[in-house]
Every structure is written in structure tokens, then in C-alpha cells.
Amino acid sequence: MREKLVCYLLGELDEAERAELEARLANEPCLRKELEQIRAGLGLTDDADPAPQHDCPDGLADRTADCISRLSALRDGVDAPCHKSRFTFVDVCVAAGVLLAVTAMLLPALPQSRATSRRLLCEDNMREIGKAMQLYAERNAFSLGDNADPAVMRVKLDRSVDSDRPTKKPRGHFPYIRRDENAGMFAVRLVESGVMSQSELQRLLWCRASGLQEKLRNSKARLIIVAPTPEQLEQAKGEVLAQLRRWMAGSYAYRLGYVDDGVYYPILNYENSRSPILSDAPTYTPDGWVSLNHGAKGGQNVLYQDGSVGFQVHCDCPAMDSDLFVNHNGKAAAGQGESDVVLVRSDLTPGLGPQIKELTPAVFRAPRQE
């Protein structure tokens, strides 16, 4: 349309085109406004005769229309020139410094956040194991009647192990580790009793934060089965049996019973007690038994009898015991008294001498109700 307006102003339209354009100009204000802009650009006055007074150079109208089109494109920003950046070199340096500082603060936090997340997942696994242990204890209640073995009468039901434990009678006992058994047998007992399936317990006993997979690779063990069945243990011999015992409890350590007046007792279930029953397995170091499952600085998740789980930085049990992983004699063996808490690695045994009398399950297990 601009070309027609230019031709109209320069008088290059024929009569028909001129009449048609003038009719549109009469009805379209926008078109009249554009005509006036072109007229002003060409230096023509309103009362000027649109007919040419002099001969125009050939192609003038085309060149003029082309020039107007280019100017319009520039005005609309199609080919607008680039503006100089408002950021100086100093601004760029400051921004880079801030970015580096933020990165330096965030990078160390990422591994810590990942480790914390894995530790919390292992805590959840422990709680599930705790539920299975409570169910096991309820199914393995016992009574102290007049015909009970004298050794059973030594179990002091009305004596507190720690200040948090109520004086009410216990509800059964946790999986019992006999004198010739390793601590990891608790896993076999849980599966054998039916309180948890083997596959489910195997999943829960594997704490990803403990680096168990790396330990197994370094051990070069030929056969690794977490929470094996009694049949699998019976068939294993020699080195294979030793490896089964070493890893059958997965990432964890279990609490042994205790010796009192020459009798080895099971761990009783006081539901509201803050007495430990399971923890991350320790590793023997020059500084003694220390759990390295959550880093070289030590510290372990601990499952208590009341079903709660907490992370302890040190290996002591406040108000109860000076070391979770050894007894009062400094050995990773059965506790020396009811308050002596000892949690040991899967392959370790109570370490009882021949003079210690042992309670058998037939003695302290009550008959099932029909």
C-alpha cells in the first residue's frame, strides 16, 4: 500500500487506481494518516498539486518505497543495532567470586547430606527389625512357677537394669544366643520363628551406609548368605561355615546374654526399656572395637528394647555401661551382670567357660497356649 501512496503523491497512478485510492482515503483515517506521513517525508505541502511539475527520474517511486520499508523495519526493531553491555569487567569478576563462594559452601555438604540420608534409611530398617523382635519375645514368654529350674529363679524380675526400665515383669525374651553359637544366630531365630520372612530380613539387615558390599568384596568370601536357614548352616563346612557366621547378621551387632552367679541368662524383654538390643557392627581397631559403618570417626545406630532407634557418636551407653562392644572385663563376650550391655559382631560367641551354667530354651520358655 505504501507504494501506491507514493505513486499517488507523485501522480503516477492512472485514473481508475487514483479514484479507488481516494475512495479508501475518504473512509480510512489510518490510511490518510500514513499518506500525510509520506507526504511530509517527501517534503510536499498539503496544498501542493500532486501532479508532477517536473519529470521524475526513472524508478524514483520504487526506490522511495524501498527506503521507507527499510526505515520502518529499523523502527520496529527487526534489524536493531546491538546495545553495549551494561556489565563491566569488575561486575563479571564479582559475580564469578560469589558463584565460587557458594559452590565452595555447597560441595562439602552434598556428601554429608547423602550419608545422612543413608543413615536415616538404616534407622528405618532397624525399627522394622525391632518390631519383629518384639513379636518374637511375645511368642516366647516364660513363667517362673514352683517347679521351675533353680537357675530360672535367679532371673530377678523386680530389679531394674537401668533408671528408664519399669519394675513390671518382662514380656518374654529376645533371641537367645547359646554358649556355642555366634551372635548372628538371632537372624536365624527370627526367620525360623516365622515373625519375618528370610527375604525381608535379608533386605533389612543390609545397611547401605555401612559399606558392607565393599567389605564382602575385600573378604573374598566364596559364599555369603545374610540370615541363612538352619539347613544352610548345617550343610556348610570349614571356611564356608566361617564366612556364613561372619556375615549372617549383615551390617549389625547383636546383644549377648549375661552371666550372674555362674549362670548365663537371656536378655529379657522390658518393652519400655532404653536398653540396647542391636547396633551397627563394630570393627576391631588399635583403639578397640569401633563402629565404622558411618564414617572413620565412629558412631552407630542403636535399636533399644522400646523399639526406638538413635545415633550414638560414642560407643558408651549413658547411665548403664561404659562400652557397648565389650564387657566389664574388656572382652567382646557375654555381659558380667545384668547391667553389662555387650553387642558383638555376627561371628563372635558368648565366650563362656565350662563352669558357667547355661539355661536352655526348654527351661525358660513357657508352654504355648492351645
Protein backbone atom coordinates (compact mmCIF):
# COMPACT_ATOMS: atom_id res chain seq x y z
CA MET A 1 0.00 0.00 0.00
CA ARG A 2 2.92 2.37 0.70
CA GLU A 3 4.00 2.08 -2.95
CA LYS A 4 0.52 3.14 -4.12
CA LEU A 5 0.52 6.12 -1.72
CA VAL A 6 3.90 7.27 -3.02
CA CYS A 7 2.74 6.86 -6.60
CA TYR A 8 -0.43 8.78 -5.73
CA LEU A 9 1.58 11.69 -4.32
CA LEU A 10 3.87 11.67 -7.34
CA GLY A 11 0.96 11.42 -9.78
CA GLU A 12 1.95 8.09 -11.27
CA LEU A 13 -1.43 6.35 -10.84
CA ASP A 14 -3.92 6.02 -13.66
CA GLU A 15 -7.44 7.39 -13.29
CA ALA A 16 -9.00 4.14 -12.08
CA GLU A 17 -6.35 3.48 -9.44
CA ARG A 18 -6.43 7.10 -8.32
CA ALA A 19 -10.23 7.04 -7.90
CA GLU A 20 -10.11 3.76 -5.97
CA LEU A 21 -7.40 5.05 -3.60
CA GLU A 22 -9.16 8.35 -2.97
CA ALA A 23 -12.32 6.42 -2.07
CA ARG A 24 -10.36 4.43 0.51
CA LEU A 25 -8.71 7.57 1.85
CA ALA A 26 -12.13 9.08 2.40
CA ASN A 27 -13.22 6.09 4.54
CA GLU A 28 -9.96 5.06 6.29
CA PRO A 29 -8.41 7.56 8.73
CA CYS A 30 -5.35 5.36 9.29
CA LEU A 31 -4.63 5.35 5.58
CA ARG A 32 -4.96 9.14 5.45
CA LYS A 33 -2.53 9.44 8.38
CA GLU A 34 0.01 7.25 6.62
CA LEU A 35 -0.43 9.37 3.47
CA GLU A 36 0.36 12.52 5.45
CA GLN A 37 3.49 10.92 6.93
CA ILE A 38 4.73 10.00 3.46
CA ARG A 39 3.84 13.47 2.17
CA ALA A 40 5.87 15.06 4.97
CA GLY A 41 8.76 12.73 4.28
CA LEU A 42 8.78 13.72 0.64
CA GLY A 43 8.63 17.43 1.52
CA LEU A 44 5.25 18.03 -0.13
CA THR A 45 2.74 20.53 1.29
CA ASP A 46 -0.92 19.81 1.84
CA ASP A 47 -1.99 22.17 -0.92
CA ALA A 48 0.60 21.04 -3.38
CA ASP A 49 -0.64 19.74 -6.64
CA PRO A 50 0.04 16.04 -6.66
CA ALA A 51 0.71 16.17 -10.34
CA PRO A 52 4.43 16.31 -11.07
CA GLN A 53 5.81 19.74 -12.07
CA HIS A 54 8.96 18.20 -13.44
CA ASP A 55 9.82 14.89 -14.90
CA CYS A 56 10.88 12.41 -12.19
CA PRO A 57 13.89 10.16 -12.61
CA ASP A 58 13.11 6.64 -13.67
CA GLY A 59 12.46 4.26 -10.70
CA LEU A 60 12.18 7.06 -8.13
CA ALA A 61 8.92 5.71 -6.74
CA ASP A 62 10.35 2.20 -6.32
CA ARG A 63 13.48 3.49 -4.61
CA THR A 64 11.45 5.68 -2.29
CA ALA A 65 9.11 2.85 -1.30
CA ASP A 66 12.08 0.58 -0.66
CA CYS A 67 13.73 3.20 1.54
CA ILE A 68 10.54 3.67 3.55
CA SER A 69 10.26 -0.11 4.07
CA ARG A 70 13.80 -0.29 5.43
CA LEU A 71 13.23 2.62 7.77
CA SER A 72 10.04 1.01 9.05
CA ALA A 73 11.86 -2.27 9.75
CA LEU A 74 14.52 -0.45 11.74
CA ARG A 75 11.85 1.39 13.71
CA ASP A 76 10.14 -1.95 14.57
CA GLY A 77 13.42 -3.40 15.90
CA VAL A 78 13.87 -6.02 13.19
CA ASP A 79 17.46 -5.07 12.49
CA ALA A 80 18.04 -3.01 15.60
CA PRO A 81 21.73 -2.49 16.38
CA CYS A 82 23.26 -4.30 19.36
CA HIS A 83 23.49 -2.29 22.54
CA LYS A 84 26.65 -2.17 24.54
CA SER A 85 26.56 -4.47 27.59
CA ARG A 86 25.83 -2.76 30.88
CA PHE A 87 28.10 -5.24 32.75
CA THR A 88 31.70 -4.20 33.26
CA PHE A 89 34.69 -6.46 33.82
CA VAL A 90 34.52 -5.72 37.54
CA ASP A 91 30.88 -6.84 37.63
CA VAL A 92 31.79 -10.13 35.95
CA CYS A 93 34.63 -10.74 38.44
CA VAL A 94 32.36 -10.07 41.42
CA ALA A 95 29.68 -12.42 40.07
CA ALA A 96 32.27 -15.15 39.48
CA GLY A 97 33.59 -14.73 43.01
CA VAL A 98 30.12 -15.07 44.50
CA LEU A 99 29.47 -18.19 42.41
CA LEU A 100 32.73 -19.78 43.56
CA ALA A 101 31.97 -19.00 47.20
CA VAL A 102 28.51 -20.56 47.00
CA THR A 103 29.93 -23.62 45.25
CA ALA A 104 32.62 -23.99 47.92
CA MET A 105 29.94 -24.00 50.62
CA LEU A 106 27.60 -26.42 48.87
CA LEU A 107 30.04 -29.07 47.60
CA PRO A 108 31.15 -30.35 51.05
CA ALA A 109 27.52 -30.53 52.16
CA LEU A 110 26.48 -32.86 49.33
CA PRO A 111 28.35 -36.00 50.55
CA GLN A 112 27.28 -35.26 54.13
CA SER A 113 23.67 -34.99 53.03
CA ARG A 114 23.93 -38.29 51.16
CA ALA A 115 25.48 -40.01 54.18
CA THR A 116 22.77 -38.67 56.49
CA SER A 117 20.07 -39.89 54.13
CA ARG A 118 21.56 -43.40 54.06
CA ARG A 119 21.93 -43.45 57.84
CA LEU A 120 18.27 -42.49 58.29
CA LEU A 121 17.26 -45.27 55.91
CA CYS A 122 19.22 -47.75 58.03
CA GLU A 123 17.43 -46.41 61.13
CA ASP A 124 14.11 -47.20 59.48
CA ASN A 125 15.34 -50.72 58.74
CA MET A 126 16.31 -51.14 62.39
CA ARG A 127 12.83 -50.14 63.55
CA GLU A 128 11.33 -52.87 61.37
CA ILE A 129 13.74 -55.41 62.87
CA GLY A 130 12.74 -54.15 66.32
CA LYS A 131 9.08 -54.89 65.59
CA ALA A 132 10.00 -58.45 64.61
CA MET A 133 11.99 -58.87 67.83
CA GLN A 134 9.10 -57.65 69.96
CA LEU A 135 6.82 -60.14 68.23
CA TYR A 136 9.38 -62.89 68.80
CA ALA A 137 9.57 -62.03 72.51
CA GLU A 138 5.79 -62.10 72.86
CA ARG A 139 5.72 -65.56 71.29
CA ASN A 140 8.49 -66.73 73.62
CA ALA A 141 7.13 -65.79 77.02
CA PHE A 142 8.08 -67.80 80.10
CA SER A 143 6.83 -68.41 83.63
CA LEU A 144 8.56 -68.94 86.96
CA GLY A 145 6.36 -71.47 88.73
CA ASP A 146 7.12 -73.61 91.74
CA ASN A 147 8.52 -76.37 89.54
CA ALA A 148 10.89 -74.10 87.63
CA ASP A 149 14.58 -74.89 87.45
CA PRO A 150 16.52 -73.19 90.30
CA ALA A 151 18.60 -71.35 87.72
CA VAL A 152 15.49 -69.73 86.32
CA MET A 153 14.61 -68.44 89.76
CA ARG A 154 17.79 -66.37 89.60
CA VAL A 155 16.18 -64.17 86.94
CA LYS A 156 15.34 -61.10 89.01
CA LEU A 157 12.11 -59.79 87.55
CA ASP A 158 11.69 -56.98 90.05
CA ARG A 159 15.16 -55.46 89.65
CA SER A 160 15.78 -52.58 87.27
CA VAL A 161 18.58 -52.77 84.72
CA ASP A 162 18.64 -49.01 84.31
CA SER A 163 16.73 -45.98 85.51
CA ASP A 164 14.49 -45.96 82.41
CA ARG A 165 13.25 -49.53 82.81
CA PRO A 166 9.99 -50.03 84.70
CA THR A 167 9.86 -52.58 87.51
CA LYS A 168 7.00 -54.54 85.95
CA LYS A 169 7.61 -58.08 84.75
CA PRO A 170 9.14 -58.63 81.30
CA ARG A 171 7.23 -60.00 78.34
CA GLY A 172 9.34 -62.91 77.17
CA HIS A 173 12.91 -62.87 75.92
CA PHE A 174 14.74 -61.88 72.76
CA PRO A 175 16.51 -64.47 70.55
CA TYR A 176 18.83 -66.42 72.83
CA ILE A 177 22.46 -67.00 71.83
CA ARG A 178 23.73 -70.23 73.39
CA ARG A 179 27.29 -70.84 74.53
CA ASP A 180 28.43 -72.49 71.30
CA GLU A 181 26.51 -70.18 68.94
CA ASN A 182 27.58 -66.99 67.25
CA ALA A 183 25.63 -63.75 67.75
CA GLY A 184 24.26 -63.78 64.19
CA MET A 185 22.01 -66.69 65.12
CA PHE A 186 19.39 -64.13 66.16
CA ALA A 187 18.64 -63.67 62.44
CA VAL A 188 18.15 -67.42 62.02
CA ARG A 189 15.80 -67.48 65.03
CA LEU A 190 13.67 -64.62 63.69
CA VAL A 191 13.15 -66.37 60.34
CA GLU A 192 12.70 -69.80 61.92
CA SER A 193 10.00 -68.47 64.27
CA GLY A 194 8.01 -67.04 61.36
CA VAL A 195 7.94 -63.43 62.59
CA MET A 196 9.66 -62.30 59.37
CA SER A 197 10.45 -63.85 56.00
CA GLN A 198 14.04 -64.58 55.06
CA SER A 199 13.98 -62.24 52.06
CA GLU A 200 12.57 -59.36 54.10
CA LEU A 201 15.09 -59.79 56.91
CA GLN A 202 17.95 -60.03 54.41
CA ARG A 203 16.89 -56.68 52.97
CA LEU A 204 16.64 -55.03 56.40
CA LEU A 205 19.99 -56.36 57.65
CA TRP A 206 21.83 -54.74 54.73
CA CYS A 207 22.65 -51.12 55.63
CA ARG A 208 23.93 -49.34 52.52
CA ALA A 209 25.73 -46.75 54.63
CA SER A 210 27.89 -49.46 56.23
CA GLY A 211 29.93 -50.25 53.12
CA LEU A 212 29.03 -53.92 53.52
CA GLN A 213 29.33 -54.58 49.80
CA GLU A 214 32.95 -53.35 49.81
CA LYS A 215 33.73 -55.43 52.90
CA LEU A 216 32.35 -58.55 51.26
CA ARG A 217 34.40 -57.90 48.13
CA ASN A 218 37.58 -57.49 50.20
CA SER A 219 36.84 -60.63 52.22
CA LYS A 220 36.94 -62.79 49.05
CA ALA A 221 34.29 -65.00 50.61
CA ARG A 222 33.07 -67.84 48.42
CA LEU A 223 29.56 -67.88 49.86
CA ILE A 224 27.70 -65.03 51.54
CA ILE A 225 24.19 -65.53 52.88
CA VAL A 226 22.61 -62.99 55.20
CA ALA A 227 20.08 -64.58 57.59
CA PRO A 228 20.66 -68.18 56.41
CA THR A 229 18.31 -71.04 57.21
CA PRO A 230 19.26 -73.79 59.70
CA GLU A 231 19.58 -76.18 56.74
CA GLN A 232 22.08 -73.91 55.01
CA LEU A 233 24.15 -73.70 58.19
CA GLU A 234 24.07 -77.45 58.68
CA GLN A 235 25.32 -78.10 55.15
CA ALA A 236 28.16 -75.56 55.36
CA LYS A 237 31.59 -76.77 56.48
CA GLY A 238 35.01 -75.30 57.16
CA GLU A 239 35.74 -71.92 55.61
CA VAL A 240 32.27 -71.65 54.09
CA LEU A 241 30.69 -72.04 57.54
CA ALA A 242 33.08 -69.46 58.99
CA GLN A 243 32.08 -66.95 56.30
CA LEU A 244 28.39 -67.64 56.86
CA ARG A 245 28.80 -66.92 60.57
CA ARG A 246 30.80 -63.78 59.85
CA TRP A 247 28.17 -62.13 57.66
CA MET A 248 24.84 -63.73 58.62
CA ALA A 249 23.81 -60.65 60.64
CA GLY A 250 24.57 -58.29 57.77
CA SER A 251 25.66 -54.85 58.94
CA TYR A 252 24.71 -55.29 62.59
CA ALA A 253 25.84 -56.46 66.02
CA TYR A 254 23.53 -58.30 68.43
CA ARG A 255 23.40 -58.30 72.20
CA LEU A 256 24.63 -61.36 74.06
CA GLY A 257 23.17 -62.58 77.34
CA TYR A 258 24.86 -62.02 80.69
CA VAL A 259 26.43 -64.11 83.44
CA ASP A 260 25.24 -63.79 87.04
CA ASP A 261 26.43 -66.08 89.86
CA GLY A 262 27.71 -68.65 87.40
CA VAL A 263 24.54 -68.76 85.27
CA TYR A 264 24.20 -67.44 81.71
CA TYR A 265 20.86 -65.64 81.21
CA PRO A 266 18.95 -64.47 78.14
CA ILE A 267 18.03 -60.84 77.51
CA LEU A 268 14.52 -60.24 78.79
CA ASN A 269 12.04 -58.01 77.04
CA TYR A 270 11.11 -54.93 79.06
CA GLU A 271 9.04 -53.07 76.49
CA ASN A 272 9.68 -49.56 77.82
CA SER A 273 13.39 -50.05 78.44
CA ARG A 274 16.10 -47.95 76.81
CA SER A 275 18.45 -50.89 76.97
CA PRO A 276 20.23 -51.58 73.62
CA ILE A 277 19.49 -54.79 71.74
CA LEU A 278 21.02 -54.19 68.26
CA SER A 279 23.56 -51.78 66.75
CA ASP A 280 25.87 -51.23 63.81
CA ALA A 281 28.58 -53.88 63.85
CA PRO A 282 31.95 -52.75 65.23
CA THR A 283 35.37 -53.24 63.67
CA TYR A 284 38.45 -54.06 65.74
CA THR A 285 40.97 -51.19 65.57
CA PRO A 286 44.08 -50.19 67.56
CA ASP A 287 41.67 -48.20 69.73
CA GLY A 288 39.45 -51.22 70.36
CA TRP A 289 36.05 -52.11 68.92
CA VAL A 290 34.63 -49.13 66.99
CA SER A 291 31.75 -48.98 64.51
CA LEU A 292 32.93 -47.55 61.19
CA ASN A 293 29.64 -48.06 59.35
CA HIS A 294 29.01 -44.32 59.19
CA GLY A 295 32.49 -42.92 58.76
CA ALA A 296 36.00 -43.16 60.18
CA LYS A 297 35.07 -41.01 63.20
CA GLY A 298 32.84 -43.79 64.53
CA GLY A 299 29.29 -43.71 65.78
CA GLN A 300 26.47 -46.19 65.39
CA ASN A 301 22.73 -46.56 65.11
CA VAL A 302 21.33 -48.33 68.16
CA LEU A 303 18.00 -50.16 68.50
CA TYR A 304 16.55 -50.10 72.02
CA GLN A 305 14.11 -52.50 73.63
CA ASP A 306 11.30 -49.95 73.44
CA GLY A 307 11.58 -50.00 69.63
CA SER A 308 13.22 -46.59 69.27
CA VAL A 309 16.42 -46.02 67.29
CA GLY A 310 19.08 -43.40 67.95
CA PHE A 311 22.52 -42.49 66.65
CA GLN A 312 25.32 -42.54 69.24
CA VAL A 313 28.57 -40.79 68.46
CA HIS A 314 30.44 -42.76 71.11
CA CYS A 315 30.26 -46.45 71.98
CA ASP A 316 29.13 -45.95 75.56
CA CYS A 317 25.63 -46.36 76.97
CA PRO A 318 24.89 -43.45 79.32
CA ALA A 319 23.92 -44.41 82.90
CA MET A 320 24.35 -48.11 82.06
CA ASP A 321 27.63 -49.18 80.54
CA SER A 322 30.99 -47.68 79.66
CA ASP A 323 31.33 -49.56 76.37
CA LEU A 324 28.67 -51.22 74.21
CA PHE A 325 31.09 -53.58 72.49
CA VAL A 326 32.99 -55.14 75.43
CA ASN A 327 32.01 -56.35 78.90
CA HIS A 328 33.31 -55.10 82.22
CA ASN A 329 36.39 -57.29 81.72
CA GLY A 330 37.15 -55.60 78.39
CA LYS A 331 36.19 -58.63 76.30
CA ALA A 332 33.71 -58.95 73.41
CA ALA A 333 31.81 -61.68 75.25
CA ALA A 334 28.77 -62.19 77.49
CA GLY A 335 27.98 -59.43 79.95
CA GLN A 336 29.25 -59.62 83.52
CA GLY A 337 25.99 -58.92 85.26
CA GLU A 338 22.53 -57.80 84.23
CA SER A 339 23.53 -54.19 83.58
CA ASP A 340 26.57 -55.08 81.45
CA VAL A 341 25.40 -54.49 77.86
CA VAL A 342 27.54 -56.19 75.19
CA LEU A 343 26.76 -56.12 71.46
CA VAL A 344 29.12 -58.19 69.33
CA ARG A 345 29.84 -58.86 65.68
CA SER A 346 27.94 -61.66 63.95
CA ASP A 347 30.67 -64.33 64.24
CA LEU A 348 31.50 -63.88 67.94
CA THR A 349 30.19 -66.19 70.68
CA PRO A 350 29.37 -65.59 74.38
CA GLY A 351 32.80 -66.94 75.29
CA LEU A 352 31.59 -68.93 78.31
CA GLY A 353 33.85 -71.18 80.33
CA PRO A 354 32.84 -74.76 81.19
CA GLN A 355 31.99 -73.71 84.75
CA ILE A 356 29.15 -71.43 83.57
CA LYS A 357 25.71 -72.99 83.69
CA GLU A 358 23.54 -72.33 80.66
CA LEU A 359 19.78 -72.01 80.52
CA THR A 360 18.28 -74.00 77.68
CA PRO A 361 15.17 -72.83 75.82
CA ALA A 362 13.24 -75.71 77.39
CA VAL A 363 13.91 -74.22 80.82
CA PHE A 364 12.81 -70.62 80.35
CA ARG A 365 10.22 -70.98 77.57
CA ALA A 366 6.64 -71.32 78.73
CA PRO A 367 4.41 -73.91 77.06
CA ARG A 368 2.29 -72.47 74.26
CA GLN A 369 -1.37 -71.91 74.91
CA GLU A 370 -3.59 -74.15 72.82
